[in-house]
Amino acid sequence: MEIISYKLKELAELEGRHPLTIRNSNRYLKIRIETASTKAQYSAGRTKSPYWYRYIRVDDIKKALKDTVEITFKS
């Protein structure tokens, strides 16, 4: 099974939630993606940062790992 990462706006549209709700929720993980090409563009002054953020659903991770790992969150 694949774990798909989404842009914040894209995930908000799929889930029918406000982007701030997704950003502050425990149901989604924010991942930072940094590649050689984004670093090069940052060095050349074409972008503001050498990385971007994507979000993944914790439920997708649970499905992918099934009974291998138990994930719990503290409030």
N, C-alpha and C. Protein backbone atom coordinates (compact mmCIF):
# COMPACT_ATOMS: atom_id res chain seq x y z
N MET A 1 0.84 -1.19 0.00
CA MET A 1 0.00 0.00 0.00
C MET A 1 0.88 1.24 0.00
N GLU A 2 0.47 2.22 -0.75
CA GLU A 2 1.20 3.48 -0.81
C GLU A 2 0.68 4.46 0.24
N ILE A 3 1.57 5.28 0.72
CA ILE A 3 1.18 6.39 1.59
C ILE A 3 1.35 7.65 0.75
N ILE A 4 0.25 8.33 0.52
CA ILE A 4 0.25 9.49 -0.37
C ILE A 4 0.40 10.77 0.45
N SER A 5 1.24 11.66 -0.03
CA SER A 5 1.37 12.97 0.61
C SER A 5 0.57 13.99 -0.20
N TYR A 6 0.03 14.97 0.50
CA TYR A 6 -0.82 15.98 -0.11
C TYR A 6 -0.33 17.37 0.24
N LYS A 7 -0.61 18.32 -0.64
CA LYS A 7 -0.43 19.72 -0.31
C LYS A 7 -1.55 20.09 0.66
N LEU A 8 -1.33 21.10 1.47
CA LEU A 8 -2.31 21.51 2.47
C LEU A 8 -3.66 21.85 1.82
N LYS A 9 -3.63 22.63 0.77
CA LYS A 9 -4.87 23.03 0.09
C LYS A 9 -5.59 21.81 -0.50
N GLU A 10 -4.82 20.92 -1.09
CA GLU A 10 -5.39 19.72 -1.70
C GLU A 10 -6.06 18.82 -0.66
N LEU A 11 -5.39 18.63 0.47
CA LEU A 11 -5.94 17.82 1.54
C LEU A 11 -7.18 18.47 2.15
N ALA A 12 -7.17 19.79 2.27
CA ALA A 12 -8.33 20.50 2.81
C ALA A 12 -9.54 20.30 1.92
N GLU A 13 -9.35 20.31 0.61
CA GLU A 13 -10.46 20.08 -0.32
C GLU A 13 -10.96 18.64 -0.23
N LEU A 14 -10.05 17.69 -0.13
CA LEU A 14 -10.45 16.28 -0.04
C LEU A 14 -11.20 15.98 1.24
N GLU A 15 -10.73 16.54 2.35
CA GLU A 15 -11.33 16.27 3.65
C GLU A 15 -12.53 17.17 3.95
N GLY A 16 -12.69 18.24 3.21
CA GLY A 16 -13.77 19.17 3.47
C GLY A 16 -13.57 19.94 4.76
N ARG A 17 -12.31 20.25 5.07
CA ARG A 17 -11.96 20.98 6.28
C ARG A 17 -11.17 22.23 5.92
N HIS A 18 -11.08 23.12 6.88
CA HIS A 18 -10.29 24.34 6.70
C HIS A 18 -8.80 23.97 6.83
N PRO A 19 -7.92 24.59 6.06
CA PRO A 19 -6.49 24.28 6.15
C PRO A 19 -5.90 24.45 7.56
N LEU A 20 -6.36 25.43 8.33
CA LEU A 20 -5.85 25.59 9.69
C LEU A 20 -6.23 24.42 10.58
N THR A 21 -7.40 23.85 10.35
CA THR A 21 -7.83 22.68 11.11
C THR A 21 -6.90 21.50 10.84
N ILE A 22 -6.55 21.33 9.59
CA ILE A 22 -5.65 20.23 9.22
C ILE A 22 -4.26 20.48 9.79
N ARG A 23 -3.78 21.69 9.70
CA ARG A 23 -2.44 22.01 10.18
C ARG A 23 -2.31 21.78 11.69
N ASN A 24 -3.37 22.03 12.45
CA ASN A 24 -3.32 21.91 13.91
C ASN A 24 -3.83 20.57 14.44
N SER A 25 -4.19 19.66 13.56
CA SER A 25 -4.78 18.39 13.97
C SER A 25 -3.72 17.30 14.17
N ASN A 26 -4.05 16.35 15.04
CA ASN A 26 -3.18 15.19 15.26
C ASN A 26 -3.42 14.11 14.21
N ARG A 27 -4.43 14.28 13.38
CA ARG A 27 -4.78 13.27 12.38
C ARG A 27 -3.90 13.34 11.14
N TYR A 28 -3.06 14.36 11.04
CA TYR A 28 -2.22 14.56 9.86
C TYR A 28 -0.79 14.86 10.31
N LEU A 29 0.17 14.35 9.57
CA LEU A 29 1.58 14.62 9.86
C LEU A 29 2.14 15.55 8.80
N LYS A 30 2.84 16.56 9.26
CA LYS A 30 3.48 17.51 8.36
C LYS A 30 4.89 16.98 8.08
N ILE A 31 5.21 16.80 6.82
CA ILE A 31 6.54 16.32 6.45
C ILE A 31 7.24 17.38 5.61
N ARG A 32 8.53 17.49 5.83
CA ARG A 32 9.34 18.47 5.11
C ARG A 32 10.10 17.74 4.02
N ILE A 33 9.99 18.21 2.80
CA ILE A 33 10.64 17.58 1.66
C ILE A 33 11.69 18.53 1.11
N GLU A 34 12.90 18.01 1.03
CA GLU A 34 14.03 18.80 0.55
C GLU A 34 14.77 17.98 -0.49
N THR A 35 14.96 18.53 -1.67
CA THR A 35 15.64 17.82 -2.75
C THR A 35 16.83 18.64 -3.25
N ALA A 36 17.65 18.00 -4.04
CA ALA A 36 18.80 18.70 -4.60
C ALA A 36 18.37 19.84 -5.51
N SER A 37 17.30 19.64 -6.25
CA SER A 37 16.85 20.69 -7.16
C SER A 37 16.29 21.90 -6.40
N THR A 38 15.58 21.66 -5.29
CA THR A 38 15.07 22.81 -4.52
C THR A 38 16.21 23.54 -3.82
N LYS A 39 17.22 22.82 -3.41
CA LYS A 39 18.40 23.47 -2.81
C LYS A 39 19.10 24.35 -3.85
N ALA A 40 19.21 23.84 -5.07
CA ALA A 40 19.87 24.60 -6.13
C ALA A 40 19.06 25.85 -6.47
N GLN A 41 17.74 25.73 -6.53
CA GLN A 41 16.90 26.88 -6.82
C GLN A 41 16.98 27.91 -5.70
N TYR A 42 17.08 27.45 -4.46
CA TYR A 42 17.22 28.36 -3.33
C TYR A 42 18.56 29.09 -3.39
N SER A 43 19.61 28.36 -3.72
CA SER A 43 20.94 28.97 -3.84
C SER A 43 20.98 30.01 -4.96
N ALA A 44 20.23 29.77 -6.01
CA ALA A 44 20.20 30.71 -7.13
C ALA A 44 19.26 31.88 -6.87
N GLY A 45 18.53 31.85 -5.76
CA GLY A 45 17.64 32.94 -5.40
C GLY A 45 16.27 32.87 -6.03
N ARG A 46 15.90 31.72 -6.56
CA ARG A 46 14.60 31.59 -7.22
C ARG A 46 13.46 31.25 -6.27
N THR A 47 13.78 30.68 -5.11
CA THR A 47 12.75 30.33 -4.13
C THR A 47 13.11 30.89 -2.76
N LYS A 48 12.11 30.98 -1.89
CA LYS A 48 12.32 31.53 -0.56
C LYS A 48 12.95 30.52 0.40
N SER A 49 12.72 29.23 0.16
CA SER A 49 13.26 28.20 1.05
C SER A 49 13.70 26.99 0.23
N PRO A 50 14.64 26.20 0.76
CA PRO A 50 15.12 25.03 0.02
C PRO A 50 14.28 23.78 0.27
N TYR A 51 13.05 23.93 0.71
CA TYR A 51 12.18 22.79 1.02
C TYR A 51 10.72 23.19 0.85
N TRP A 52 9.83 22.20 0.93
CA TRP A 52 8.40 22.47 0.96
C TRP A 52 7.76 21.45 1.89
N TYR A 53 6.52 21.71 2.29
CA TYR A 53 5.83 20.83 3.22
C TYR A 53 4.70 20.10 2.52
N ARG A 54 4.50 18.85 2.92
CA ARG A 54 3.37 18.04 2.48
C ARG A 54 2.76 17.42 3.73
N TYR A 55 1.56 16.92 3.60
CA TYR A 55 0.85 16.33 4.73
C TYR A 55 0.42 14.91 4.39
N ILE A 56 0.49 14.02 5.38
CA ILE A 56 0.01 12.66 5.20
C ILE A 56 -0.97 12.34 6.33
N ARG A 57 -1.90 11.47 6.04
CA ARG A 57 -2.90 11.06 7.02
C ARG A 57 -2.32 9.98 7.93
N VAL A 58 -2.56 10.11 9.22
CA VAL A 58 -2.09 9.10 10.17
C VAL A 58 -2.83 7.79 9.92
N ASP A 59 -4.09 7.87 9.54
CA ASP A 59 -4.87 6.65 9.25
C ASP A 59 -4.27 5.87 8.10
N ASP A 60 -3.71 6.55 7.10
CA ASP A 60 -3.05 5.86 5.99
C ASP A 60 -1.81 5.11 6.47
N ILE A 61 -1.09 5.70 7.41
CA ILE A 61 0.09 5.03 7.97
C ILE A 61 -0.34 3.81 8.75
N LYS A 62 -1.40 3.95 9.53
CA LYS A 62 -1.91 2.81 10.30
C LYS A 62 -2.33 1.67 9.38
N LYS A 63 -3.01 1.99 8.29
CA LYS A 63 -3.44 0.96 7.34
C LYS A 63 -2.23 0.28 6.70
N ALA A 64 -1.21 1.05 6.37
CA ALA A 64 -0.03 0.49 5.72
C ALA A 64 0.75 -0.43 6.66
N LEU A 65 0.82 -0.04 7.93
CA LEU A 65 1.58 -0.83 8.88
C LEU A 65 0.75 -1.93 9.54
N LYS A 66 -0.57 -1.81 9.42
CA LYS A 66 -1.54 -2.74 9.99
C LYS A 66 -1.24 -3.02 11.45
N ASP A 67 -0.93 -4.26 11.80
CA ASP A 67 -0.74 -4.62 13.21
C ASP A 67 0.71 -4.56 13.65
N THR A 68 1.59 -4.06 12.81
CA THR A 68 3.01 -4.01 13.13
C THR A 68 3.33 -3.00 14.22
N VAL A 69 2.72 -1.81 14.14
CA VAL A 69 3.01 -0.73 15.07
C VAL A 69 1.71 -0.13 15.57
N GLU A 70 1.67 0.22 16.85
CA GLU A 70 0.51 0.90 17.40
C GLU A 70 0.85 2.37 17.59
N ILE A 71 0.00 3.25 17.06
CA ILE A 71 0.24 4.69 17.13
C ILE A 71 -0.81 5.29 18.05
N THR A 72 -0.34 5.99 19.09
CA THR A 72 -1.25 6.69 19.99
C THR A 72 -0.72 8.10 20.19
N PHE A 73 -1.61 9.01 20.51
CA PHE A 73 -1.24 10.40 20.73
C PHE A 73 -1.59 10.80 22.14
N LYS A 74 -0.74 11.60 22.75
CA LYS A 74 -1.02 12.15 24.06
C LYS A 74 -1.65 13.52 23.87
N SER A 75 -2.62 13.83 24.71
CA SER A 75 -3.31 15.12 24.59
C SER A 75 -2.54 16.21 25.27
